[in-house]
Protein backbone atom coordinates (compact mmCIF):
# COMPACT_ATOMS: atom_id res chain seq x y z
CA MET A 1 66.01 120.94 -238.22
CA GLN A 2 62.97 120.68 -240.43
CA ALA A 3 62.10 117.00 -241.00
CA THR A 4 60.96 117.28 -244.62
CA VAL A 5 62.56 116.33 -247.89
CA ALA A 6 63.63 117.92 -251.13
CA TYR A 7 62.76 114.93 -253.31
CA SER A 8 59.08 114.19 -252.70
CA GLY A 9 55.86 116.11 -252.20
CA THR A 10 54.21 113.76 -249.70
CA CYS A 11 55.06 111.50 -246.76
CA ASP A 12 55.38 107.88 -247.93
CA THR A 13 53.37 106.63 -244.95
CA CYS A 14 50.57 109.10 -244.20
CA GLU A 15 50.71 111.12 -247.47
CA ALA A 16 50.98 114.42 -245.60
CA LYS A 17 52.32 117.28 -247.73
CA LEU A 18 56.06 117.95 -247.28
CA GLU A 19 57.92 121.17 -247.98
CA PRO A 20 61.39 121.29 -249.60
CA GLY A 21 64.21 121.10 -247.09
CA PRO A 22 66.53 118.64 -245.29
CA GLY A 23 65.15 115.11 -245.35
CA TRP A 24 64.83 111.90 -243.38
CA TYR A 25 66.56 108.89 -244.93
CA HIS A 26 66.50 105.25 -244.01
CA LYS A 27 69.87 103.69 -243.32
CA SER A 28 69.54 101.34 -246.30
CA GLY A 29 67.41 103.34 -248.74
CA TYR A 30 65.34 106.44 -249.36
CA SER A 31 62.16 107.13 -247.40
CA ASP A 32 60.32 110.42 -247.36
CA LEU A 33 58.64 110.78 -243.99
CA CYS A 34 57.12 113.47 -241.82
CA ASN A 35 58.15 113.97 -238.18
CA GLU A 36 55.21 111.96 -236.80
CA CYS A 37 55.92 108.89 -238.93
CA VAL A 38 59.63 108.96 -238.11
CA GLU A 39 58.78 109.04 -234.39
CA ALA A 40 56.64 105.91 -234.88
CA ALA A 41 59.56 104.02 -236.47
CA GLU A 42 62.20 101.99 -234.66
CA PRO A 43 64.78 104.20 -232.88
CA GLY A 44 67.90 104.73 -234.98
CA GLU A 45 66.36 103.58 -238.25
CA TYR A 46 66.40 107.06 -239.82
CA PHE A 47 68.85 109.94 -240.05
CA VAL A 48 68.37 113.43 -241.37
CA VAL A 49 70.72 114.93 -243.99
CA SER A 50 70.92 118.24 -245.79
CA THR A 51 73.61 117.50 -248.42
CA ALA A 52 74.54 114.58 -250.62
CA SER A 53 77.92 114.24 -248.87
CA ASP A 54 76.11 113.81 -245.56
CA LEU A 55 73.98 111.13 -247.18
CA LYS A 56 77.03 109.23 -248.48
CA GLU A 57 78.74 109.45 -245.09
CA GLU A 58 75.70 108.12 -243.26
CA ARG A 59 75.22 105.34 -245.84
CA SER A 60 78.84 104.27 -245.33
CA ASP A 61 78.35 104.13 -241.55
CA TYR A 62 75.37 101.83 -241.98
CA ALA A 63 76.76 99.68 -244.80
CA SER A 64 77.52 96.76 -242.49
CA THR A 65 74.10 96.71 -240.88
CA ALA A 66 72.35 93.40 -241.59
CA ALA A 67 68.75 94.37 -240.91
CA GLU A 68 66.94 96.70 -243.28
CA ALA A 69 63.96 98.37 -241.58
CA GLU A 70 61.72 100.82 -243.36
CA ALA A 71 58.45 102.41 -242.25
CA ALA A 72 56.99 102.64 -245.78
CA PRO A 73 58.23 102.17 -249.37
CA SER A 74 58.68 104.86 -251.98
CA GLU A 75 57.15 104.61 -255.45
CA VAL A 76 59.11 101.97 -257.36
CA GLU A 77 59.45 104.19 -260.41
CA GLU A 78 61.48 106.68 -258.32
CA GLU A 79 64.01 104.21 -256.93
CA THR A 80 66.80 104.57 -259.50
CA SER A 81 66.10 107.97 -260.95
CA ARG A 82 65.24 110.62 -258.41
CA CYS A 83 68.69 110.89 -256.80
CA ASP A 84 70.17 112.27 -260.05
CA SER A 85 67.12 113.71 -261.75
CA GLU A 86 66.79 117.30 -262.78
CA ASP A 87 63.82 117.68 -260.44
CA ALA A 88 65.92 116.53 -257.52
CA VAL A 89 68.70 118.94 -258.39
CA ALA A 90 66.23 121.79 -258.73
CA ALA A 91 64.75 121.11 -255.32
CA ALA A 92 68.04 120.26 -253.58
CA PRO A 93 69.71 122.55 -251.02
CA ALA A 94 71.60 125.55 -252.35
CA GLY A 95 74.96 124.69 -253.90
CA ALA A 96 74.08 121.09 -254.72
CA THR A 97 74.73 119.77 -258.23
CA ALA A 98 73.90 116.60 -260.12
CA ASP A 99 77.39 115.28 -259.28
CA THR A 100 77.06 115.95 -255.58
CA LEU A 101 73.68 114.20 -255.54
CA GLU A 102 75.04 111.03 -257.12
CA VAL A 103 74.57 108.09 -254.74
CA ASN A 104 75.40 104.42 -255.17
CA VAL A 105 71.97 102.83 -255.43
CA PRO A 106 71.84 99.12 -256.32
CA THR A 107 69.98 98.08 -259.46
CA TRP A 108 66.65 96.71 -258.33
CA VAL A 109 64.14 94.54 -260.11
CA TYR A 110 60.39 95.07 -260.02
CA GLN A 111 57.34 92.84 -260.04
CA THR A 112 53.68 93.05 -259.13
CA MET A 113 51.20 90.64 -257.58
CA GLU A 114 47.43 90.77 -257.37
CA VAL A 115 45.78 90.72 -253.95
CA HIS A 116 42.10 91.02 -253.11
CA ASP A 117 41.49 94.43 -251.58
CA ARG A 118 39.95 92.87 -248.46
CA ASP A 119 43.39 91.33 -247.76
CA ILE A 120 45.46 94.51 -248.14
CA GLY A 121 45.08 95.16 -244.42
CA LEU A 122 46.62 91.76 -243.62
CA ILE A 123 49.78 92.72 -245.49
CA ILE A 124 49.97 96.13 -243.81
CA GLY A 125 49.10 94.96 -240.29
CA PRO A 126 48.37 97.16 -237.27
CA ARG A 127 50.13 100.51 -237.79
CA GLY A 128 52.16 98.94 -240.60
CA SER A 129 53.78 96.31 -238.34
CA ASN A 130 53.39 93.38 -240.77
CA LEU A 131 54.65 95.47 -243.66
CA ARG A 132 57.79 96.45 -241.77
CA VAL A 133 58.58 92.86 -240.75
CA LEU A 134 58.06 91.62 -244.32
CA GLN A 135 60.31 94.33 -245.75
CA GLU A 136 63.02 93.78 -243.16
CA GLY A 137 62.94 90.00 -243.56
CA THR A 138 62.99 89.95 -247.37
CA LYS A 139 65.11 93.06 -248.08
CA CYS A 140 62.40 94.08 -250.55
CA LYS A 141 60.07 97.04 -250.75
CA ILE A 142 56.32 96.52 -250.83
CA LYS A 143 53.99 99.21 -252.14
CA CYS A 144 50.35 98.52 -251.25
CA PRO A 145 47.43 100.42 -252.78
CA PRO A 146 45.47 102.70 -250.44
CA TRP A 147 43.34 100.71 -247.99
CA LYS A 148 40.59 101.87 -245.69
CA GLN A 149 38.30 100.16 -243.21
CA GLY A 150 34.90 100.06 -244.90
CA LYS A 151 31.46 99.10 -243.70
CA GLY A 152 31.12 95.73 -242.13
CA GLY A 153 34.84 95.65 -241.34
CA LYS A 154 35.83 94.90 -244.93
CA GLY A 155 38.81 96.50 -246.56
CA LYS A 156 37.90 98.94 -249.30
CA GLY A 157 39.83 100.93 -251.83
CA LYS A 158 40.10 104.68 -252.01
CA ASP A 159 36.34 104.99 -251.79
CA ASP A 160 34.29 103.02 -249.31
CA GLN A 161 31.69 102.58 -252.01
CA ASP A 162 34.11 100.89 -254.40
CA ALA A 163 33.15 97.33 -255.27
CA PRO A 164 35.59 94.74 -253.89
CA GLY A 165 38.11 93.39 -256.36
CA MET A 166 41.74 92.59 -257.04
CA GLN A 167 44.41 95.20 -256.33
CA GLU A 168 47.97 95.44 -257.58
CA VAL A 169 50.77 95.31 -255.01
CA LYS A 170 54.12 96.58 -256.32
CA LEU A 171 57.30 94.84 -255.23
CA SER A 172 60.93 95.86 -255.73
CA GLY A 173 64.05 94.11 -254.57
CA PRO A 174 67.75 93.46 -255.22
CA SER A 175 67.16 90.21 -257.14
CA GLU A 176 64.57 87.89 -258.65
CA GLU A 177 65.25 85.44 -255.82
CA ALA A 178 64.54 88.08 -253.20
CA LEU A 179 61.25 89.00 -254.89
CA ALA A 180 60.22 85.34 -255.07
CA ARG A 181 60.86 85.01 -251.33
CA CYS A 182 58.91 88.21 -250.70
CA LYS A 183 55.93 86.86 -252.65
CA ASP A 184 56.04 83.58 -250.71
CA ALA A 185 56.12 85.51 -247.44
CA ILE A 186 53.12 87.63 -248.45
CA GLU A 187 51.21 84.50 -249.48
CA GLY A 188 51.94 83.00 -246.07
CA VAL A 189 50.63 86.09 -244.28
CA LEU A 190 47.47 85.99 -246.40
CA MET A 191 47.02 82.37 -245.26
CA GLY A 192 47.12 83.48 -241.62
CA GLU A 193 50.78 83.03 -240.70
CA LYS A 194 52.62 85.56 -238.55
CA PRO A 195 55.22 87.42 -240.67
CA SER A 196 58.08 86.34 -238.40
CA ASP A 197 56.95 82.70 -238.51
CA ILE A 198 56.56 82.49 -242.29
CA LEU A 199 59.97 84.15 -242.78
CA ALA A 200 61.50 81.57 -240.45
CA ILE A 201 59.78 78.75 -242.35
CA LEU A 202 61.12 80.12 -245.65
CA ASP A 203 64.58 80.03 -244.08
CA GLY A 204 64.14 76.32 -243.36
CA ALA A 205 62.95 76.56 -239.77
CA ALA A 206 60.23 74.53 -238.09
CA VAL A 207 57.81 76.48 -235.89
CA MET A 208 55.96 75.41 -232.76
CA LYS A 209 52.93 77.69 -232.45
CA ASN A 210 50.43 78.72 -229.78
CA LEU A 211 52.58 77.69 -226.84
CA ASP A 212 51.53 78.90 -223.40
CA GLN A 213 53.91 80.52 -220.94
CA VAL A 214 54.55 77.26 -219.09
CA CYS A 215 55.71 75.50 -222.27
CA ILE A 216 57.83 78.46 -223.35
CA ALA A 217 59.46 78.52 -219.91
CA ALA A 218 60.08 74.75 -219.99
CA LEU A 219 61.87 74.96 -223.34
CA SER A 220 63.79 78.17 -222.72
CA SER A 221 65.05 76.91 -219.33
CA LYS A 222 66.82 74.04 -221.20
CA LYS A 223 67.67 76.03 -224.34
CA ASP A 224 71.45 75.52 -224.30
CA THR A 225 71.17 71.78 -223.60
CA LEU A 226 68.48 71.25 -226.24
CA GLU A 227 70.41 73.18 -228.89
CA LYS A 228 73.52 71.09 -228.25
CA GLU A 229 71.67 67.75 -228.20
CA LEU A 230 69.53 68.43 -231.28
CA GLY A 231 72.00 70.45 -233.33
CA VAL A 232 69.60 73.35 -233.71
CA ARG A 233 69.20 77.00 -232.77
CA LEU A 234 66.04 77.98 -230.84
CA THR A 235 64.42 81.41 -230.79
CA PHE A 236 61.31 82.32 -228.81
CA ASP A 237 58.63 84.93 -228.74
CA ALA A 238 55.61 85.16 -226.44
CA LYS A 239 53.67 82.35 -228.14
CA SER A 240 55.99 80.36 -230.40
CA CYS A 241 59.35 78.65 -230.75
CA GLN A 242 61.33 78.76 -234.01
CA ILE A 243 63.74 75.89 -234.67
CA PHE A 244 66.66 76.39 -237.07
CA SER A 245 68.98 73.53 -237.95
CA LYS A 246 72.62 74.55 -237.54
CA ASP A 247 73.47 72.91 -240.86
CA GLY A 248 70.50 74.50 -242.64
CA SER A 249 68.57 71.23 -243.06
CA PRO A 250 64.75 71.69 -242.92
CA ASP A 251 64.34 67.94 -242.26
CA LYS A 252 66.60 68.15 -239.24
CA ALA A 253 64.57 71.11 -237.92
CA LEU A 254 61.34 69.10 -238.32
CA ASP A 255 62.87 66.12 -236.51
CA ALA A 256 63.89 68.41 -233.66
CA LYS A 257 60.36 69.84 -233.54
CA GLU A 258 58.91 66.35 -233.12
CA LYS A 259 61.33 65.57 -230.28
CA LEU A 260 60.51 68.87 -228.53
CA GLU A 261 56.78 68.20 -228.85
CA GLU A 262 57.34 64.78 -227.26
CA GLN A 263 59.07 66.45 -224.33
CA LEU A 264 56.09 68.76 -223.92
CA ASP A 265 53.50 65.98 -224.07
CA ASP A 266 53.41 65.56 -220.30
CA LEU A 267 53.19 69.31 -219.75
CA THR A 268 50.38 69.78 -222.27
CA ALA A 269 48.24 66.80 -221.21
CA VAL A 270 44.98 68.20 -219.80
CA GLU A 271 44.05 67.02 -216.32
CA THR A 272 41.91 68.07 -213.36
CA ILE A 273 43.10 68.23 -209.76
CA GLN A 274 41.61 69.47 -206.50
CA VAL A 275 43.58 71.61 -204.06
CA PRO A 276 42.19 71.87 -200.50
CA VAL A 277 41.71 75.45 -199.28
CA PRO A 278 40.25 76.60 -195.95
CA GLY A 279 36.71 77.90 -196.34
CA ASN A 280 37.63 81.37 -195.11
CA PHE A 281 40.31 81.68 -197.82
CA VAL A 282 38.70 80.02 -200.82
CA ASN A 283 37.11 83.10 -202.43
CA GLN A 284 40.20 85.26 -201.84
CA VAL A 285 42.45 82.63 -203.42
CA LEU A 286 40.10 82.13 -206.37
CA ASN A 287 40.21 85.87 -207.15
CA GLU A 288 43.94 86.22 -206.53
CA THR A 289 45.69 88.27 -209.22
CA ALA A 290 48.46 85.70 -209.77
CA LEU A 291 46.00 82.85 -210.28
CA GLN A 292 43.89 84.98 -212.60
CA GLN A 293 46.94 85.86 -214.70
CA LEU A 294 47.93 82.21 -214.91
CA LYS A 295 44.40 81.43 -216.13
CA ASP A 296 44.66 84.19 -218.74
CA GLN A 297 48.03 82.98 -220.03
CA THR A 298 47.47 79.21 -220.06
CA GLY A 299 43.73 78.67 -220.47
CA LEU A 300 43.50 77.16 -216.99
CA THR A 301 40.03 77.00 -215.40
CA ALA A 302 39.36 77.17 -211.66
CA SER A 303 36.22 76.75 -209.56
CA VAL A 304 35.26 76.18 -205.93
CA TYR A 305 34.32 72.70 -204.75
CA LYS A 306 32.81 71.55 -201.47
CA ASN A 307 32.42 67.99 -200.23
CA ASP A 308 32.44 65.98 -197.01
CA LYS A 309 36.19 66.51 -196.65
CA GLY A 310 35.99 70.29 -196.87
CA THR A 311 36.38 73.05 -199.44
CA GLY A 312 38.95 73.79 -202.09
CA ILE A 313 39.60 74.84 -205.67
CA ARG A 314 39.21 72.52 -208.63
CA ILE A 315 41.60 73.39 -211.47
CA THR A 316 41.69 72.00 -215.01
CA GLY A 317 44.45 72.57 -217.53
CA SER A 318 47.78 71.33 -218.82
CA GLN A 319 49.93 69.54 -216.31
CA GLY A 320 52.56 72.25 -216.34
CA ALA A 321 49.96 74.95 -215.64
CA LEU A 322 48.35 72.81 -212.92
CA GLN A 323 51.63 72.52 -211.02
CA GLU A 324 52.17 76.29 -211.18
CA ALA A 325 48.59 76.93 -210.03
CA LYS A 326 48.87 74.38 -207.22
CA LYS A 327 51.94 76.14 -205.82
CA LEU A 328 50.19 79.51 -205.90
CA ILE A 329 47.04 78.17 -204.24
CA GLU A 330 48.95 76.36 -201.49
CA LEU A 331 51.04 79.43 -200.69
CA ARG A 332 48.01 81.70 -200.63
CA SER A 333 46.10 79.21 -198.43
CA THR A 334 48.71 79.66 -195.70
CA GLY A 335 48.14 83.41 -195.71
CA LYS A 336 51.22 84.25 -197.78
CA GLY A 337 51.18 86.36 -200.91
CA ALA A 338 52.35 84.75 -204.15
CA GLU A 339 52.78 86.95 -207.23
CA PHE A 340 54.72 86.63 -210.45
CA LEU A 341 55.66 88.78 -213.41
CA SER A 342 55.97 87.21 -216.87
CA LEU A 343 58.74 88.33 -219.24
CA VAL A 344 59.21 87.88 -222.96
CA PRO A 345 61.88 85.20 -223.61
CA GLY A 346 65.44 86.53 -223.63
CA LEU A 347 64.58 89.94 -222.18
CA LEU A 348 67.20 90.02 -219.41
CA SER A 349 69.90 88.69 -221.75
CA LYS A 350 69.76 92.05 -223.57
CA LEU A 351 71.40 93.76 -220.59
CA SER A 352 75.11 94.48 -220.66
CA ALA A 353 77.23 93.09 -217.82
CA GLN A 354 77.12 96.44 -215.99
CA GLN A 355 73.39 96.86 -216.56
CA LYS A 356 72.78 93.31 -215.32
CA ALA A 357 74.74 94.03 -212.16
CA ASP A 358 72.78 97.24 -211.58
CA PHE A 359 69.48 95.45 -212.20
CA LEU A 360 70.32 92.72 -209.69
CA LYS A 361 71.25 95.38 -207.12
CA ASP A 362 67.89 97.09 -207.67
CA ALA A 363 66.11 93.75 -207.25
CA GLN A 364 68.02 93.06 -204.02
CA PHE A 365 67.16 96.53 -202.73
CA LEU A 366 63.50 95.89 -203.55
CA GLN A 367 63.61 92.61 -201.63
CA GLN A 368 65.16 94.26 -198.58
CA ASN A 369 62.64 97.08 -198.51
CA SER A 370 59.49 95.16 -199.47
CA GLY A 371 59.78 92.39 -196.91
CA CYS A 372 59.22 89.66 -199.52
CA GLU A 373 61.43 87.30 -201.49
CA VAL A 374 62.20 88.32 -205.09
CA ASP A 375 63.21 85.35 -207.23
CA ILE A 376 64.50 86.21 -210.71
CA ALA A 377 63.86 82.97 -212.63
CA GLU A 378 65.51 84.10 -215.87
CA GLU A 379 65.46 80.61 -217.37
CA LYS A 380 61.66 80.52 -216.91
CA ASN A 381 61.12 84.08 -218.16
CA ARG A 382 59.49 85.26 -214.96
CA ILE A 383 60.09 86.93 -211.62
CA ASN A 384 58.42 85.46 -208.52
CA PHE A 385 57.44 87.35 -205.36
CA THR A 386 56.66 85.56 -202.08
CA GLY A 387 55.80 87.18 -198.76
CA PRO A 388 52.97 88.96 -196.98
CA VAL A 389 50.02 89.53 -199.32
CA GLY A 390 50.23 93.31 -199.64
CA GLU A 391 54.02 93.37 -199.83
CA ALA A 392 54.18 90.76 -202.61
CA GLU A 393 51.70 92.72 -204.71
CA HIS A 394 53.58 95.97 -204.04
CA ALA A 395 56.90 94.34 -204.97
CA ARG A 396 55.49 93.10 -208.28
CA ARG A 397 54.31 96.58 -209.24
CA GLU A 398 57.62 98.14 -208.23
CA MET A 399 59.46 95.56 -210.34
CA GLN A 400 57.33 96.61 -213.29
CA ASN A 401 58.66 100.16 -212.83
CA ILE A 402 62.23 98.88 -212.58
CA LEU A 403 61.85 96.88 -215.78
CA LYS A 404 60.36 99.87 -217.58
CA PHE A 405 63.46 101.85 -216.61
CA TYR A 406 65.86 99.24 -218.03
CA PHE A 407 63.65 98.32 -220.99
CA PRO A 408 61.65 101.42 -222.00
CA GLN A 409 60.95 99.97 -225.47
CA GLU A 410 60.07 96.45 -224.33
CA CYS A 411 58.03 96.92 -221.15
CA ASP A 412 54.97 99.00 -220.35
CA THR A 413 52.06 99.22 -217.93
CA ILE A 414 48.85 100.54 -219.49
CA GLU A 415 46.21 101.98 -217.16
CA LEU A 416 42.68 101.02 -218.14
CA GLY A 417 40.17 102.36 -215.62
CA ALA A 418 38.21 100.05 -213.32
CA ASP A 419 35.00 100.20 -215.36
CA ALA A 420 36.77 99.06 -218.55
CA VAL A 421 38.57 95.97 -217.24
CA ASP A 422 35.87 93.43 -218.15
CA TRP A 423 35.42 95.11 -221.54
CA VAL A 424 39.15 94.83 -222.30
CA ALA A 425 39.16 91.16 -221.27
CA GLY A 426 36.08 90.49 -223.39
CA GLU A 427 33.52 87.74 -223.08
CA ASP A 428 35.30 84.55 -221.96
CA ASP A 429 38.53 86.59 -222.17
CA ARG A 430 38.36 86.55 -225.98
CA GLU A 431 39.74 90.07 -226.40
CA LEU A 432 42.58 89.26 -224.04
CA LEU A 433 43.44 86.23 -226.14
CA LYS A 434 43.52 88.43 -229.25
CA LEU A 435 45.90 90.83 -227.52
CA GLN A 436 48.19 87.91 -226.67
CA GLN A 437 48.42 87.06 -230.38
CA ALA A 438 50.36 90.30 -230.92
CA GLY A 439 53.57 88.53 -229.89
CA ALA A 440 53.91 90.15 -226.47
CA VAL A 441 53.45 88.79 -222.97
CA ILE A 442 50.16 90.14 -221.61
CA ALA A 443 49.01 90.16 -217.97
CA LEU A 444 45.77 91.83 -216.91
CA ASP A 445 45.72 93.05 -213.30
CA ARG A 446 42.00 93.27 -212.63
CA ASN A 447 42.46 94.71 -209.15
CA ALA A 448 44.70 97.55 -210.30
CA ALA A 449 42.86 97.95 -213.64
CA SER A 450 46.11 97.84 -215.58
CA LEU A 451 47.72 95.76 -218.32
CA TRP A 452 51.34 94.61 -218.20
CA VAL A 453 52.89 94.28 -221.66
CA CYS A 454 56.34 92.85 -222.35
CA GLY A 455 57.65 92.32 -225.89
CA ASP A 456 59.41 94.07 -228.73
CA ASN A 457 58.52 97.60 -229.81
CA ARG A 458 56.24 96.42 -232.64
CA SER A 459 54.19 94.04 -230.48
CA ILE A 460 53.72 96.69 -227.81
CA THR A 461 52.64 99.19 -230.48
CA HIS A 462 50.17 96.59 -231.75
CA VAL A 463 48.74 96.08 -228.25
CA ARG A 464 48.44 99.83 -227.65
CA SER A 465 46.69 100.29 -230.99
CA ARG A 466 44.18 97.52 -230.31
CA LEU A 467 43.58 98.81 -226.78
CA GLN A 468 42.99 102.30 -228.13
CA ASN A 469 40.35 100.94 -230.50
CA LEU A 470 38.76 98.93 -227.70
CA MET A 471 38.63 101.95 -225.39
CA GLN A 472 37.15 104.15 -228.11
CA GLN A 473 34.43 101.58 -228.68
CA TRP A 474 33.92 101.20 -224.93
CA SER A 475 33.45 104.95 -224.50
CA LYS A 476 30.69 104.87 -227.13
CA GLU A 477 28.90 101.87 -225.66
CA HIS A 478 29.28 102.70 -221.94
CA VAL A 479 28.20 105.79 -220.06
CA VAL A 480 28.45 106.53 -216.33
CA LEU A 481 26.29 109.27 -214.84
CA LYS A 482 26.72 110.84 -211.43
CA LEU A 483 23.60 110.99 -209.27
CA PRO A 484 22.79 114.14 -207.30
CA SER A 485 21.47 112.16 -204.33
CA PRO A 486 20.63 108.57 -203.30
CA GLY A 487 16.94 109.42 -203.50
CA VAL A 488 17.16 110.14 -207.22
CA GLY A 489 18.85 106.78 -207.69
CA TRP A 490 15.98 104.98 -206.00
CA GLN A 491 13.50 106.80 -208.25
CA ILE A 492 15.44 105.55 -211.29
CA ILE A 493 15.17 102.03 -209.90
CA GLY A 494 11.47 102.36 -209.02
CA LYS A 495 9.32 100.18 -206.78
CA GLY A 496 10.48 96.60 -207.10
CA GLY A 497 12.83 97.68 -209.91
CA SER A 498 9.91 98.49 -212.19
CA VAL A 499 11.31 101.74 -213.63
CA ILE A 500 14.81 100.49 -214.37
CA GLN A 501 13.47 97.27 -215.86
CA GLY A 502 11.16 99.25 -218.12
CA LEU A 503 14.03 101.48 -219.24
CA GLN A 504 16.18 98.47 -220.07
CA ALA A 505 13.40 96.82 -222.08
CA GLU A 506 12.53 100.06 -223.91
CA THR A 507 16.10 101.00 -224.83
CA SER A 508 17.67 97.53 -225.16
CA THR A 509 20.47 98.48 -222.79
CA ARG A 510 21.86 97.25 -219.51
CA ILE A 511 21.45 99.78 -216.69
CA GLU A 512 23.03 99.47 -213.25
CA CYS A 513 22.02 102.02 -210.62
CA GLU A 514 24.00 102.28 -207.37
CA PRO A 515 22.31 104.93 -205.16
CA ASP A 516 24.81 104.59 -202.32
CA LEU A 517 27.71 105.24 -204.73
CA LEU A 518 25.79 108.04 -206.49
CA ARG A 519 26.26 106.52 -209.93
CA VAL A 520 24.31 104.89 -212.73
CA SER A 521 25.99 103.07 -215.62
CA ILE A 522 24.54 102.29 -219.05
CA SER A 523 25.90 99.83 -221.61
CA GLY A 524 24.71 98.69 -225.03
CA LYS A 525 24.81 99.80 -228.64
CA GLU A 526 25.84 103.43 -229.08
CA SER A 527 22.43 104.71 -230.24
CA ASN A 528 20.63 102.76 -227.51
CA VAL A 529 22.98 104.10 -224.85
CA LEU A 530 22.29 107.69 -225.94
CA ASN A 531 18.55 107.00 -225.82
CA ALA A 532 18.73 105.51 -222.32
CA LYS A 533 20.97 108.35 -221.14
CA SER A 534 18.41 110.91 -222.34
CA LYS A 535 15.55 109.18 -220.50
CA ILE A 536 17.54 108.87 -217.27
CA MET A 537 18.55 112.53 -217.45
CA GLN A 538 14.84 113.41 -217.73
CA ILE A 539 14.11 111.39 -214.58
CA MET A 540 16.97 113.10 -212.77
CA MET A 541 15.72 116.55 -213.77
CA THR A 542 12.12 115.93 -212.77
CA ALA A 543 12.71 113.72 -209.73
CA ARG A 544 11.17 115.01 -206.55
CA GLY A 545 13.89 116.70 -204.59
CA GLY A 546 15.70 117.06 -207.92
CA TRP A 547 19.28 118.07 -207.48
CA GLY A 548 19.11 118.47 -203.75
């Protein structure tokens, strides 16, 4: 069936031209979308209809649905008129009349607010993720003016040359109260709040932000007890905890937040400890994937120490992270493998009873066939693997595949390429920290050059989008050339490194030549990389022995 509509000329999201025909509709309102934009939306949000009776039937089926999710708003002027307008009737499927097109559409109210055009992108978010959360959480529609990424990373209007200024954002909703809440939510996002957090705050919740995986695990493992003792409801994502009072009291939620923070004081206190490690194991343990992931997720630091008593690893971080790291180091020091896989809070609770039973059988089968222990610590939002080094690593990767089978929308493994791992992590892991702010659990496997992502569909889409941008930039600023022979590589290096050093100084790039591996890599600004590549290609073409 053709996924286009009879009531609009363009897609509400990407503005692609649409031809008359059957149309996509959101379960709680109109939305004119093309196939590509519907595929990017949450599964089940949209249905396609060809007659008004189909539309009424589908609307009735979805009438009890609490959440309203919409990929992009329609023009507010069209909300109450286009379903029974003469234009709609003229473009409707054959046999349709004004009566058959009549649909019960609530009377909405409209307002506008002014937003600086540099902030339009904050409202929209990566691939429209912020916009969707705001619309779902407020039951309002938000129509932003066109926004593009201009020079210097600033948001511009329709033309990149337009001078910055205030833009009008159109809002429509079922009541004045709903619009007021929508405005407050937008203001919160413009102040740097996550959409989900500001919506929770507007609902009277208190929010604990920027929690590491150890703190999240500590709270979620005692969730039922804490909720009963404090009279609250707790919800978690990858980096925060939202606290809702059961009686709706914001003061009670704040009191509960203070008590929870007191419980975390011991875990978050920063300390330094030393863990003895045999000298022949110390470098292997320091570069262990599990320890590296714990460092990425908690901000832990680790370094080698050596004194009169021997060698070991000095670790600094929160007490909770230190205890986790100490266990990993001690296990690895005995020659055993110790791996873990982090999960977004509440992931396994989404399984039905039958699915849970099947999942546990698959985990038991993996344990029997991998030769290592598989511990599903659901209350700590992680799965632990202990056994021989290779088997533990293999079991972790197989469990990733199992989880992707049961949770295709919430779990993914993204292959990066060995050369791009450090680029994705960023200097001092800054890019990795930015990825973690997307609301998903992130784990970078440097050895396998892959990224484990666990979260909701929006957070994973956000991570993929940012990774795509990073990889596009990486491809422009990094080039790898294959050498025809080791001899050509040594000519690129030159006596005492004179040639390669001259090239680096002349082109302002970093050049690494590995004759034995028959490769030379160049990194730097895009124009400089192209310049260095050209000069190296000239050396390769004119080198004595050339391509032999």
